[in-house]
C-alpha atoms as a PDB file:
ATOM      1  CA  MET A   1      88.226 124.812 127.003  1.00  0.00           C
ATOM      2  CA  THR A   2      88.863 124.981 130.579  1.00  0.00           C
ATOM      3  CA  LEU A   3      92.042 123.979 132.475  1.00  0.00           C
ATOM      4  CA  GLY A   4      90.267 121.018 133.858  1.00  0.00           C
ATOM      5  CA  ARG A   5      88.437 120.059 130.609  1.00  0.00           C
ATOM      6  CA  ARG A   6      91.714 119.822 128.673  1.00  0.00           C
ATOM      7  CA  ALA A   7      93.430 117.965 131.570  1.00  0.00           C
ATOM      8  CA  GLU A   8      90.238 115.257 131.216  1.00  0.00           C
ATOM      9  CA  ALA A   9      90.477 115.048 127.239  1.00  0.00           C
ATOM     10  CA  ASP A  10      94.415 114.893 127.332  1.00  0.00           C
ATOM     11  CA  LEU A  11      93.531 111.697 129.925  1.00  0.00           C
ATOM     12  CA  HIS A  12      91.181 110.431 127.410  1.00  0.00           C
ATOM     13  CA  TYR A  13      93.704 110.780 124.374  1.00  0.00           C
ATOM     14  CA  ASP A  14      96.376 108.993 126.501  1.00  0.00           C
ATOM     15  CA  ARG A  15      94.153 105.865 126.932  1.00  0.00           C
ATOM     16  CA  ALA A  16      93.357 106.008 123.503  1.00  0.00           C
ATOM     17  CA  ILE A  17      97.055 105.714 122.707  1.00  0.00           C
ATOM     18  CA  GLN A  18      97.537 103.183 124.956  1.00  0.00           C
ATOM     19  CA  HIS A  19      94.563 100.933 123.911  1.00  0.00           C
ATOM     20  CA  LYS A  20      95.990 101.442 120.324  1.00  0.00           C
ATOM     21  CA  LYS A  21      99.320  99.879 121.368  1.00  0.00           C
ATOM     22  CA  ALA A  22      97.540  97.115 122.991  1.00  0.00           C
ATOM     23  CA  GLY A  23      95.475  96.446 119.901  1.00  0.00           C
ATOM     24  CA  GLU A  24      92.297  97.187 121.603  1.00  0.00           C
ATOM     25  CA  TYR A  25      91.059  99.136 118.920  1.00  0.00           C
ATOM     26  CA  GLN A  26      87.378  99.527 119.867  1.00  0.00           C
ATOM     27  CA  LYS A  27      88.470 101.144 123.293  1.00  0.00           C
ATOM     28  CA  ALA A  28      90.605 103.177 121.526  1.00  0.00           C
ATOM     29  CA  LEU A  29      87.658 104.651 119.013  1.00  0.00           C
ATOM     30  CA  ALA A  30      85.661 105.257 122.366  1.00  0.00           C
ATOM     31  CA  GLU A  31      88.631 107.252 123.829  1.00  0.00           C
ATOM     32  CA  TYR A  32      88.957 109.339 120.743  1.00  0.00           C
ATOM     33  CA  THR A  33      85.365 110.072 120.378  1.00  0.00           C
ATOM     34  CA  ARG A  34      85.110 111.057 123.784  1.00  0.00           C
ATOM     35  CA  VAL A  35      87.986 113.786 123.030  1.00  0.00           C
ATOM     36  CA  LEU A  36      86.294 114.796 120.082  1.00  0.00           C
ATOM     37  CA  ALA A  37      82.965 115.131 122.145  1.00  0.00           C
ATOM     38  CA  MET A  38      84.985 117.433 124.346  1.00  0.00           C
ATOM     39  CA  ASN A  39      87.027 119.564 121.501  1.00  0.00           C
ATOM     40  CA  PRO A  40      85.520 118.863 118.081  1.00  0.00           C
ATOM     41  CA  LYS A  41      88.190 121.078 116.380  1.00  0.00           C
ATOM     42  CA  ASP A  42      90.996 118.899 117.571  1.00  0.00           C
ATOM     43  CA  ALA A  43      92.488 117.712 114.141  1.00  0.00           C
ATOM     44  CA  GLN A  44      94.802 115.043 115.277  1.00  0.00           C
ATOM     45  CA  ALA A  45      92.095 113.104 117.269  1.00  0.00           C
ATOM     46  CA  TYR A  46      90.419 112.872 113.947  1.00  0.00           C
ATOM     47  CA  THR A  47      93.254 111.923 112.433  1.00  0.00           C
ATOM     48  CA  ASN A  48      94.205 109.208 114.621  1.00  0.00           C
ATOM     49  CA  ARG A  49      90.819 108.110 114.903  1.00  0.00           C
ATOM     50  CA  GLY A  50      90.547 107.389 111.034  1.00  0.00           C
ATOM     51  CA  ASN A  51      93.844 105.449 111.362  1.00  0.00           C
ATOM     52  CA  ILE A  52      91.977 102.891 113.684  1.00  0.00           C
ATOM     53  CA  TYR A  53      88.992 103.205 111.220  1.00  0.00           C
ATOM     54  CA  LEU A  54      91.627 101.960 108.542  1.00  0.00           C
ATOM     55  CA  THR A  55      93.101  99.380 110.355  1.00  0.00           C
ATOM     56  CA  LEU A  56      89.778  97.969 111.255  1.00  0.00           C
ATOM     57  CA  GLU A  57      88.963  98.350 107.532  1.00  0.00           C
ATOM     58  CA  GLU A  58      86.021 100.699 108.050  1.00  0.00           C
ATOM     59  CA  HIS A  59      86.918 102.640 105.358  1.00  0.00           C
ATOM     60  CA  GLU A  60      84.025 105.219 105.067  1.00  0.00           C
ATOM     61  CA  GLU A  61      84.400 106.001 108.360  1.00  0.00           C
ATOM     62  CA  ALA A  62      88.070 106.561 107.814  1.00  0.00           C
ATOM     63  CA  LEU A  63      87.593 108.928 104.915  1.00  0.00           C
ATOM     64  CA  ALA A  64      84.982 111.009 106.985  1.00  0.00           C
ATOM     65  CA  ASP A  65      87.654 111.434 109.781  1.00  0.00           C
ATOM     66  CA  TYR A  66      90.551 112.363 107.614  1.00  0.00           C
ATOM     67  CA  GLN A  67      88.181 114.886 105.576  1.00  0.00           C
ATOM     68  CA  ARG A  68      87.072 116.611 108.852  1.00  0.00           C
ATOM     69  CA  ALA A  69      90.706 116.552 109.914  1.00  0.00           C
ATOM     70  CA  LEU A  70      92.005 118.368 106.768  1.00  0.00           C
ATOM     71  CA  GLU A  71      89.105 120.600 106.974  1.00  0.00           C
ATOM     72  CA  LEU A  72      90.475 121.763 110.380  1.00  0.00           C
ATOM     73  CA  ASP A  73      94.165 121.399 109.528  1.00  0.00           C
ATOM     74  CA  PRO A  74      94.648 121.648 105.575  1.00  0.00           C
ATOM     75  CA  LYS A  75      98.593 120.849 106.532  1.00  0.00           C
ATOM     76  CA  ASP A  76      98.123 117.840 108.122  1.00  0.00           C
ATOM     77  CA  ALA A  77     100.377 115.456 106.147  1.00  0.00           C
ATOM     78  CA  LEU A  78      99.103 112.512 108.333  1.00  0.00           C
ATOM     79  CA  ALA A  79      95.628 112.913 107.472  1.00  0.00           C
ATOM     80  CA  TYR A  80      96.765 112.690 103.599  1.00  0.00           C
ATOM     81  CA  LEU A  81      99.338 109.798 104.501  1.00  0.00           C
ATOM     82  CA  GLY A  82      95.974 108.124 106.070  1.00  0.00           C
ATOM     83  CA  ARG A  83      93.589 108.883 103.353  1.00  0.00           C
ATOM     84  CA  GLY A  84      95.948 107.799 100.620  1.00  0.00           C
ATOM     85  CA  SER A  85      96.081 104.393 102.413  1.00  0.00           C
ATOM     86  CA  THR A  86      92.547 104.055 102.758  1.00  0.00           C
ATOM     87  CA  TYR A  87      91.943 104.751  98.746  1.00  0.00           C
ATOM     88  CA  TYR A  88      94.612 102.446  98.000  1.00  0.00           C
ATOM     89  CA  ALA A  89      92.696  99.327 100.293  1.00  0.00           C
ATOM     90  CA  LEU A  90      89.591 100.739  98.128  1.00  0.00           C
ATOM     91  CA  GLY A  91      91.419  99.886  95.013  1.00  0.00           C
ATOM     92  CA  GLU A  92      91.162 103.802  94.067  1.00  0.00           C
ATOM     93  CA  HIS A  93      94.692 104.016  92.932  1.00  0.00           C
ATOM     94  CA  GLU A  94      95.062 107.334  91.414  1.00  0.00           C
ATOM     95  CA  LYS A  95      93.677 109.172  94.393  1.00  0.00           C
ATOM     96  CA  ALA A  96      95.837 107.227  96.742  1.00  0.00           C
ATOM     97  CA  LEU A  97      98.823 108.664  94.654  1.00  0.00           C
ATOM     98  CA  ALA A  98      97.478 111.995  94.761  1.00  0.00           C
ATOM     99  CA  ASN A  99      97.260 111.923  98.636  1.00  0.00           C
ATOM    100  CA  TYR A 100     100.481 110.156  99.049  1.00  0.00           C
ATOM    101  CA  ASP A 101     101.958 112.955  96.941  1.00  0.00           C
ATOM    102  CA  ARG A 102     100.271 115.738  99.010  1.00  0.00           C
ATOM    103  CA  ALA A 103     101.558 114.413 102.153  1.00  0.00           C
ATOM    104  CA  LEU A 104     105.049 114.492 100.434  1.00  0.00           C
ATOM    105  CA  GLU A 105     104.868 118.189  99.843  1.00  0.00           C
ATOM    106  CA  LEU A 106     104.081 119.031 103.248  1.00  0.00           C
ATOM    107  CA  ASN A 107     106.576 116.324 105.002  1.00  0.00           C
ATOM    108  CA  ALA A 108     108.998 115.075 102.581  1.00  0.00           C
ATOM    109  CA  THR A 109     110.504 112.544 105.603  1.00  0.00           C
ATOM    110  CA  LEU A 110     107.253 110.338 105.735  1.00  0.00           C
ATOM    111  CA  ALA A 111     109.050 107.105 105.191  1.00  0.00           C
ATOM    112  CA  LEU A 112     105.550 105.408 105.072  1.00  0.00           C
ATOM    113  CA  ALA A 113     104.222 107.763 102.231  1.00  0.00           C
ATOM    114  CA  HIS A 114     107.160 107.036  99.912  1.00  0.00           C
ATOM    115  CA  ALA A 115     106.258 103.157 100.835  1.00  0.00           C
ATOM    116  CA  GLY A 116     102.581 103.840  99.910  1.00  0.00           C
ATOM    117  CA  ARG A 117     103.505 105.668  96.947  1.00  0.00           C
ATOM    118  CA  GLY A 118     105.784 102.739  95.854  1.00  0.00           C
ATOM    119  CA  THR A 119     103.007 100.410  96.606  1.00  0.00           C
ATOM    120  CA  THR A 120     100.463 102.218  94.524  1.00  0.00           C
ATOM    121  CA  LEU A 121     102.831 102.702  91.642  1.00  0.00           C
ATOM    122  CA  ALA A 122     103.179  99.171  91.553  1.00  0.00           C
ATOM    123  CA  ALA A 123      99.792  98.415  91.637  1.00  0.00           C
ATOM    124  CA  LEU A 124      99.424 100.557  88.438  1.00  0.00           C
ATOM    125  CA  GLY A 125     102.271  98.680  86.820  1.00  0.00           C
ATOM    126  CA  ARG A 126     104.587 101.655  87.010  1.00  0.00           C
ATOM    127  CA  TYR A 127     107.388  99.460  88.592  1.00  0.00           C
ATOM    128  CA  HIS A 128     110.676 101.756  87.736  1.00  0.00           C
ATOM    129  CA  GLN A 129     108.788 104.470  89.467  1.00  0.00           C
ATOM    130  CA  ALA A 130     107.615 102.523  92.373  1.00  0.00           C
ATOM    131  CA  LEU A 131     111.400 101.269  92.920  1.00  0.00           C
ATOM    132  CA  ALA A 132     112.126 104.877  93.158  1.00  0.00           C
ATOM    133  CA  ALA A 133     109.811 105.289  95.660  1.00  0.00           C
ATOM    134  CA  TYR A 134     110.595 102.322  97.717  1.00  0.00           C
ATOM    135  CA  ASP A 135     114.247 103.508  97.614  1.00  0.00           C
ATOM    136  CA  LYS A 136     113.443 106.510  99.139  1.00  0.00           C
ATOM    137  CA  ALA A 137     111.299 104.760 101.754  1.00  0.00           C
ATOM    138  CA  LEU A 138     114.113 102.932 102.689  1.00  0.00           C
ATOM    139  CA  GLU A 139     116.789 105.606 102.899  1.00  0.00           C
ATOM    140  CA  LEU A 140     114.524 107.109 105.370  1.00  0.00           C
ATOM    141  CA  ASP A 141     113.762 103.628 107.579  1.00  0.00           C
ATOM    142  CA  PRO A 142     116.344 101.035 106.437  1.00  0.00           C
ATOM    143  CA  GLN A 143     114.667  98.745 109.054  1.00  0.00           C
ATOM    144  CA  ASP A 144     111.157  98.653 107.173  1.00  0.00           C
ATOM    145  CA  ALA A 145     111.192  94.856 106.092  1.00  0.00           C
ATOM    146  CA  GLU A 146     107.790  95.405 104.421  1.00  0.00           C
ATOM    147  CA  THR A 147     108.878  98.029 102.045  1.00  0.00           C
ATOM    148  CA  ARG A 148     112.217  95.784 101.373  1.00  0.00           C
ATOM    149  CA  TYR A 149     109.741  93.125 100.718  1.00  0.00           C
ATOM    150  CA  ASN A 150     107.702  95.063  98.301  1.00  0.00           C
ATOM    151  CA  ARG A 151     110.733  96.295  96.394  1.00  0.00           C
ATOM    152  CA  GLY A 152     111.601  92.707  95.978  1.00  0.00           C
ATOM    153  CA  ASN A 153     108.239  92.248  94.230  1.00  0.00           C
ATOM    154  CA  ALA A 154     108.998  95.160  91.968  1.00  0.00           C
ATOM    155  CA  HIS A 155     112.387  93.739  90.995  1.00  0.00           C
ATOM    156  CA  TYR A 156     110.715  90.385  90.285  1.00  0.00           C
ATOM    157  CA  ALA A 157     107.756  92.008  87.969  1.00  0.00           C
ATOM    158  CA  LEU A 158     110.469  93.638  86.210  1.00  0.00           C
ATOM    159  CA  GLY A 159     112.773  90.320  85.508  1.00  0.00           C
ATOM    160  CA  ALA A 160     115.483  91.686  87.838  1.00  0.00           C
ATOM    161  CA  TYR A 161     115.455  88.528  89.762  1.00  0.00           C
ATOM    162  CA  GLU A 162     118.860  88.404  91.466  1.00  0.00           C
ATOM    163  CA  LYS A 163     117.835  91.992  92.961  1.00  0.00           C
ATOM    164  CA  ALA A 164     114.468  90.406  94.042  1.00  0.00           C
ATOM    165  CA  ILE A 165     116.572  87.677  95.715  1.00  0.00           C
ATOM    166  CA  ALA A 166     118.680  90.131  97.556  1.00  0.00           C
ATOM    167  CA  ASP A 167     115.641  91.793  98.806  1.00  0.00           C
ATOM    168  CA  TYR A 168     113.684  89.153 100.111  1.00  0.00           C
ATOM    169  CA  THR A 169     116.850  87.743 101.586  1.00  0.00           C
ATOM    170  CA  ARG A 170     117.014  91.110 103.603  1.00  0.00           C
ATOM    171  CA  THR A 171     113.751  90.861 104.494  1.00  0.00           C
ATOM    172  CA  LEU A 172     114.054  87.340 105.918  1.00  0.00           C
ATOM    173  CA  GLU A 173     116.890  87.900 107.990  1.00  0.00           C
ATOM    174  CA  GLN A 174     114.501  90.739 109.903  1.00  0.00           C
ATOM    175  CA  THR A 175     111.366  88.430 109.996  1.00  0.00           C
ATOM    176  CA  PRO A 176     110.672  84.649 108.769  1.00  0.00           C
ATOM    177  CA  TYR A 177     107.865  85.714 106.647  1.00  0.00           C
ATOM    178  CA  ALA A 178     106.190  82.969 104.666  1.00  0.00           C
ATOM    179  CA  GLN A 179     105.466  84.865 101.510  1.00  0.00           C
ATOM    180  CA  ALA A 180     108.902  86.223 101.219  1.00  0.00           C
ATOM    181  CA  TYR A 181     110.109  82.604 101.343  1.00  0.00           C
ATOM    182  CA  SER A 182     107.632  81.718  98.956  1.00  0.00           C
ATOM    183  CA  ASN A 183     108.539  84.888  96.362  1.00  0.00           C
ATOM    184  CA  ARG A 184     112.302  84.130  96.831  1.00  0.00           C
ATOM    185  CA  GLY A 185     111.427  80.925  95.504  1.00  0.00           C
ATOM    186  CA  ASN A 186     109.649  82.034  92.521  1.00  0.00           C
ATOM    187  CA  ALA A 187     112.982  84.257  91.529  1.00  0.00           C
ATOM    188  CA  ARG A 188     115.074  81.151  92.127  1.00  0.00           C
ATOM    189  CA  ALA A 189     112.892  79.067  89.799  1.00  0.00           C
ATOM    190  CA  ALA A 190     112.900  81.780  87.131  1.00  0.00           C
ATOM    191  CA  LEU A 191     116.534  81.452  87.330  1.00  0.00           C
ATOM    192  CA  GLY A 192     116.473  77.947  86.938  1.00  0.00           C
ATOM    193  CA  GLU A 193     117.579  77.152  90.596  1.00  0.00           C
ATOM    194  CA  HIS A 194     114.841  74.712  91.214  1.00  0.00           C
ATOM    195  CA  GLU A 195     116.314  73.172  94.194  1.00  0.00           C
ATOM    196  CA  GLN A 196     117.256  76.094  95.752  1.00  0.00           C
ATOM    197  CA  ALA A 197     113.476  77.069  95.066  1.00  0.00           C
ATOM    198  CA  LEU A 198     112.119  73.837  96.483  1.00  0.00           C
ATOM    199  CA  ALA A 199     113.932  74.510  99.743  1.00  0.00           C
ATOM    200  CA  ASP A 200     112.489  78.011  99.965  1.00  0.00           C
ATOM    201  CA  TYR A 201     109.039  76.666  99.110  1.00  0.00           C
ATOM    202  CA  ASP A 202     109.608  73.815 102.001  1.00  0.00           C
ATOM    203  CA  ARG A 203     110.337  76.859 104.391  1.00  0.00           C
ATOM    204  CA  ALA A 204     107.443  78.890 103.587  1.00  0.00           C
ATOM    205  CA  LEU A 205     104.862  75.800 104.066  1.00  0.00           C
ATOM    206  CA  GLU A 206     106.617  75.450 107.407  1.00  0.00           C
ATOM    207  CA  ILE A 207     105.689  78.654 108.533  1.00  0.00           C
ATOM    208  CA  ASP A 208     102.481  78.552 106.937  1.00  0.00           C
ATOM    209  CA  PRO A 209     101.254  75.222 105.671  1.00  0.00           C
ATOM    210  CA  GLU A 210      97.973  76.953 104.005  1.00  0.00           C
ATOM    211  CA  LEU A 211      99.874  79.222 101.625  1.00  0.00           C
ATOM    212  CA  ALA A 212      98.613  78.252  98.387  1.00  0.00           C
ATOM    213  CA  GLU A 213     101.137  79.963  96.142  1.00  0.00           C
ATOM    214  CA  ALA A 214     104.079  78.278  97.984  1.00  0.00           C
ATOM    215  CA  HIS A 215     102.329  74.808  96.909  1.00  0.00           C
ATOM    216  CA  TYR A 216     101.738  76.110  93.500  1.00  0.00           C
ATOM    217  CA  GLY A 217     105.470  77.303  93.317  1.00  0.00           C
ATOM    218  CA  ARG A 218     106.727  73.416  94.775  1.00  0.00           C
ATOM    219  CA  GLY A 219     104.640  71.864  92.156  1.00  0.00           C
ATOM    220  CA  ASN A 220     106.193  73.966  89.493  1.00  0.00           C
ATOM    221  CA  ALA A 221     109.781  73.327  90.577  1.00  0.00           C
ATOM    222  CA  HIS A 222     108.849  69.473  90.924  1.00  0.00           C
ATOM    223  CA  TYR A 223     107.717  69.392  87.342  1.00  0.00           C
ATOM    224  CA  ALA A 224     110.587  71.277  86.295  1.00  0.00           C
ATOM    225  CA  ILE A 225     113.284  68.670  87.628  1.00  0.00           C
ATOM    226  CA  GLY A 226     110.956  65.786  86.368  1.00  0.00           C
ATOM    227  CA  ASP A 227     109.073  64.521  89.630  1.00  0.00           C
ATOM    228  CA  TYR A 228     105.822  64.811  88.139  1.00  0.00           C
ATOM    229  CA  GLU A 229     103.946  62.857  90.750  1.00  0.00           C
ATOM    230  CA  GLU A 230     105.108  65.097  93.468  1.00  0.00           C
ATOM    231  CA  ALA A 231     104.051  67.920  90.980  1.00  0.00           C
ATOM    232  CA  VAL A 232     100.463  66.617  91.221  1.00  0.00           C
ATOM    233  CA  ALA A 233     100.535  66.104  94.661  1.00  0.00           C
ATOM    234  CA  ASP A 234     101.643  69.805  95.263  1.00  0.00           C
ATOM    235  CA  HIS A 235      99.182  71.494  92.808  1.00  0.00           C
ATOM    236  CA  ASP A 236      96.429  69.063  94.695  1.00  0.00           C
ATOM    237  CA  ARG A 237      96.976  71.019  97.837  1.00  0.00           C
ATOM    238  CA  ALA A 238      97.175  74.284  96.039  1.00  0.00           C
ATOM    239  CA  LEU A 239      93.725  73.762  94.388  1.00  0.00           C
ATOM    240  CA  ALA A 240      92.277  72.808  97.604  1.00  0.00           C
ATOM    241  CA  LEU A 241      93.210  75.510  99.155  1.00  0.00           C
ATOM    242  CA  LYS A 242      92.509  78.166  96.206  1.00  0.00           C
ATOM    243  CA  PRO A 243      91.313  76.913  92.692  1.00  0.00           C
ATOM    244  CA  ARG A 244      93.069  78.720  89.969  1.00  0.00           C
ATOM    245  CA  ALA A 245      92.942  78.326  86.117  1.00  0.00           C
ATOM    246  CA  GLU A 246      96.621  78.360  86.051  1.00  0.00           C
ATOM    247  CA  THR A 247      97.086  75.468  88.620  1.00  0.00           C
ATOM    248  CA  TYR A 248      94.806  73.358  87.073  1.00  0.00           C
ATOM    249  CA  ASN A 249      96.748  73.626  83.857  1.00  0.00           C
ATOM    250  CA  ASN A 250     100.078  73.138  85.434  1.00  0.00           C
ATOM    251  CA  ARG A 251      98.533  69.887  86.957  1.00  0.00           C
ATOM    252  CA  GLY A 252      97.598  68.967  83.744  1.00  0.00           C
ATOM    253  CA  ASN A 253     101.016  69.235  82.431  1.00  0.00           C
ATOM    254  CA  ALA A 254     102.179  66.991  85.189  1.00  0.00           C
ATOM    255  CA  HIS A 255      99.486  64.245  84.468  1.00  0.00           C
ATOM    256  CA  ALA A 256     100.495  64.694  80.710  1.00  0.00           C
ATOM    257  CA  ALA A 257     104.096  63.919  81.671  1.00  0.00           C
ATOM    258  CA  LEU A 258     102.998  60.862  83.675  1.00  0.00           C
ATOM    259  CA  GLY A 259     100.838  59.661  80.256  1.00  0.00           C
ATOM    260  CA  GLU A 260      97.757  60.127  82.456  1.00  0.00           C
ATOM    261  CA  TYR A 261      95.532  62.051  79.528  1.00  0.00           C
ATOM    262  CA  LYS A 262      92.397  61.745  80.533  1.00  0.00           C
ATOM    263  CA  GLN A 263      93.338  63.489  84.094  1.00  0.00           C
ATOM    264  CA  ALA A 264      95.175  65.862  82.155  1.00  0.00           C
ATOM    265  CA  LEU A 265      92.596  66.789  79.694  1.00  0.00           C
ATOM    266  CA  ALA A 266      90.130  67.206  82.618  1.00  0.00           C
ATOM    267  CA  ASP A 267      92.469  69.602  84.121  1.00  0.00           C
ATOM    268  CA  TYR A 268      92.874  71.597  80.841  1.00  0.00           C
ATOM    269  CA  ASP A 269      89.372  71.793  80.512  1.00  0.00           C
ATOM    270  CA  ARG A 270      88.587  73.226  84.175  1.00  0.00           C
ATOM    271  CA  ALA A 271      91.320  75.665  83.621  1.00  0.00           C
ATOM    272  CA  LEU A 272      89.529  76.829  80.879  1.00  0.00           C
ATOM    273  CA  GLU A 273      86.136  76.757  82.765  1.00  0.00           C
ATOM    274  CA  LEU A 274      87.720  79.398  84.669  1.00  0.00           C
ATOM    275  CA  ASN A 275      89.665  81.190  82.105  1.00  0.00           C
ATOM    276  CA  PRO A 276      88.764  80.681  78.633  1.00  0.00           C
ATOM    277  CA  GLU A 277      91.699  82.548  77.065  1.00  0.00           C
ATOM    278  CA  LEU A 278      94.397  80.611  79.370  1.00  0.00           C
ATOM    279  CA  ALA A 279      96.386  79.975  76.210  1.00  0.00           C
ATOM    280  CA  ASN A 280      98.740  77.124  77.676  1.00  0.00           C
ATOM    281  CA  ALA A 281      95.669  74.949  78.416  1.00  0.00           C
ATOM    282  CA  HIS A 282      94.386  75.276  74.668  1.00  0.00           C
ATOM    283  CA  PHE A 283      98.137  74.152  73.715  1.00  0.00           C
ATOM    284  CA  GLY A 284      97.774  71.246  76.555  1.00  0.00           C
ATOM    285  CA  ARG A 285      94.494  70.301  75.373  1.00  0.00           C
ATOM    286  CA  GLY A 286      95.665  70.236  71.588  1.00  0.00           C
ATOM    287  CA  PHE A 287      98.583  67.783  72.616  1.00  0.00           C
ATOM    288  CA  ILE A 288      96.044  65.349  74.538  1.00  0.00           C
ATOM    289  CA  HIS A 289      93.893  65.049  71.458  1.00  0.00           C
ATOM    290  CA  ARG A 290      96.655  64.725  69.461  1.00  0.00           C
ATOM    291  CA  GLU A 291      98.207  62.129  71.423  1.00  0.00           C
ATOM    292  CA  ARG A 292      94.722  60.188  71.518  1.00  0.00           C
ATOM    293  CA  GLY A 293      94.416  60.548  67.645  1.00  0.00           C
ATOM    294  CA  GLU A 294      91.338  62.903  67.907  1.00  0.00           C
ATOM    295  CA  THR A 295      92.919  65.168  65.034  1.00  0.00           C
ATOM    296  CA  GLU A 296      90.184  67.609  64.371  1.00  0.00           C
ATOM    297  CA  GLN A 297      89.857  68.542  68.096  1.00  0.00           C
ATOM    298  CA  ALA A 298      93.540  68.906  68.565  1.00  0.00           C
ATOM    299  CA  ILE A 299      93.493  71.227  65.425  1.00  0.00           C
ATOM    300  CA  VAL A 300      90.556  73.444  66.788  1.00  0.00           C
ATOM    301  CA  SER A 301      92.815  73.681  70.350  1.00  0.00           C
ATOM    302  CA  PHE A 302      95.902  74.566  68.541  1.00  0.00           C
ATOM    303  CA  GLU A 303      94.199  77.249  66.111  1.00  0.00           C
ATOM    304  CA  ARG A 304      92.623  78.923  69.632  1.00  0.00           C
ATOM    305  CA  PHE A 305      96.299  78.682  70.784  1.00  0.00           C
ATOM    306  CA  LEU A 306      97.396  80.678  68.225  1.00  0.00           C
ATOM    307  CA  ASP A 307      94.494  83.223  68.514  1.00  0.00           C
ATOM    308  CA  LEU A 308      95.873  83.921  72.287  1.00  0.00           C
ATOM    309  CA  THR A 309      99.777  83.356  72.559  1.00  0.00           C
ATOM    310  CA  GLU A 310     102.189  85.815  72.996  1.00  0.00           C
ATOM    311  CA  SER A 311     105.360  83.493  72.821  1.00  0.00           C
ATOM    312  CA  PRO A 312     107.071  83.269  69.485  1.00  0.00           C
ATOM    313  CA  ARG A 313     108.548  79.908  70.443  1.00  0.00           C
ATOM    314  CA  TRP A 314     105.171  78.045  71.436  1.00  0.00           C
ATOM    315  CA  TYR A 315     103.770  79.583  68.626  1.00  0.00           C
ATOM    316  CA  GLN A 316     106.178  78.134  66.073  1.00  0.00           C
ATOM    317  CA  ALA A 317     105.528  74.804  68.114  1.00  0.00           C
ATOM    318  CA  ALA A 318     101.790  75.029  67.571  1.00  0.00           C
ATOM    319  CA  GLU A 319     102.082  75.819  63.941  1.00  0.00           C
ATOM    320  CA  GLU A 320     104.391  72.896  63.567  1.00  0.00           C
ATOM    321  CA  GLN A 321     101.694  70.799  65.048  1.00  0.00           C
ATOM    322  CA  LEU A 322      99.161  71.928  62.966  1.00  0.00           C
ATOM    323  CA  ARG A 323     101.275  71.504  59.817  1.00  0.00           C
ATOM    324  CA  GLN A 324     102.061  67.831  60.625  1.00  0.00           C
ATOM    325  CA  MET A 325      98.462  67.161  61.381  1.00  0.00           C
ATOM    326  CA  ARG A 326      97.457  68.656  57.828  1.00  0.00           C
ATOM    327  CA  GLY A 327      99.718  66.802  56.233  1.00  0.00           C
ATOM    328  CA  GLU A 328     101.455  69.895  54.828  1.00  0.00           C
END
C-alpha cells in the first residue's frame, strides 16, 4: 500500500472511531468497510467492525469479522474477547467461556474478559467461580459499575445478602440504576428488612416506572408487612407489564389474605396455566378449596403440592392439612 493510500485508510479509520464514539454505528461500519476494501489484511479493523456488529446485535456478521481477524492475527486478544461476548449473547455459554479464557491467556489484564467470564459462569450457575472472575475484573477496573452490580447478583444467588447489598450500594454510588435499587430491595427483603426494601423499590420505580420486577418485589414486601391491598395493586401493575406465574401466585396469596377467595383461586389457576409445576400455586389452591369446603379438590391440590415441593416446612404443613381432611 502506497503512503497516500495508507493516509487515506487512516483517515477512514479515524472517522470510524469518531462515529462510534458518537453512537453513529452505521456510519462507523461504512468507514471500517472502506478501510478493509483498501487493506483486506487489517486485522484490527475486522475486530473493530465486529465490535460494532455486536453492539447492533448482528451476531453472525460479528462472528464472521472476529473469525477473519483471528485468521490474520491469531494472537488478537480483543477478537477473542468480542467473539466471547457474541457467543454469550447467543446463549452459547461454553463457547463464550472458551473465548474469554483464550483472550486472558493472551492478555491477563483485560478487565472486560474477566468480567465477561464472570457473567458467563453465573449464567452456568457456577457462582463461586463467577465471584472470583468478578473480583479480578474489579481489581483491574474498580470503577466498573456493571461488574460490581453483577457481582452483587452472584452474591444474592448464593444467599450472601449482606455482600449483595454492599455491591449494589457501591454501584448506586456510581450510577442511579433502577435494577440495582430493585435488586437491593430483594436482598433487603430476604433479610426481613421490608421497610428498607420498600424504599428501594420506590426509588427504582421513580427511575423506571415500567420495571416489572420492582412492582413485583414491592408487592411481596407489602404482603410481608400485611398491606394486602397494596400488594394486590403492585402485582396488578407487575402483571400488566410482564405476566408471570409467580406474580399471579403472589397476587392470589394477597387476595386470599383479604378473604377474596374467588379472585385468589382465579389467580392460582392462571399461575398453573403458565407453569403447571409451580408448587406454591397448588398449595394456595388447596387452601382455597379447603376454606370453601371443597374437600376432594383440596386433597388433589395438596397431594400435587407434595409431589412438587422441595420445602420440608411446607411439606409438613400440606401433610397436616391432608390428615385433617381425611380425619386421620
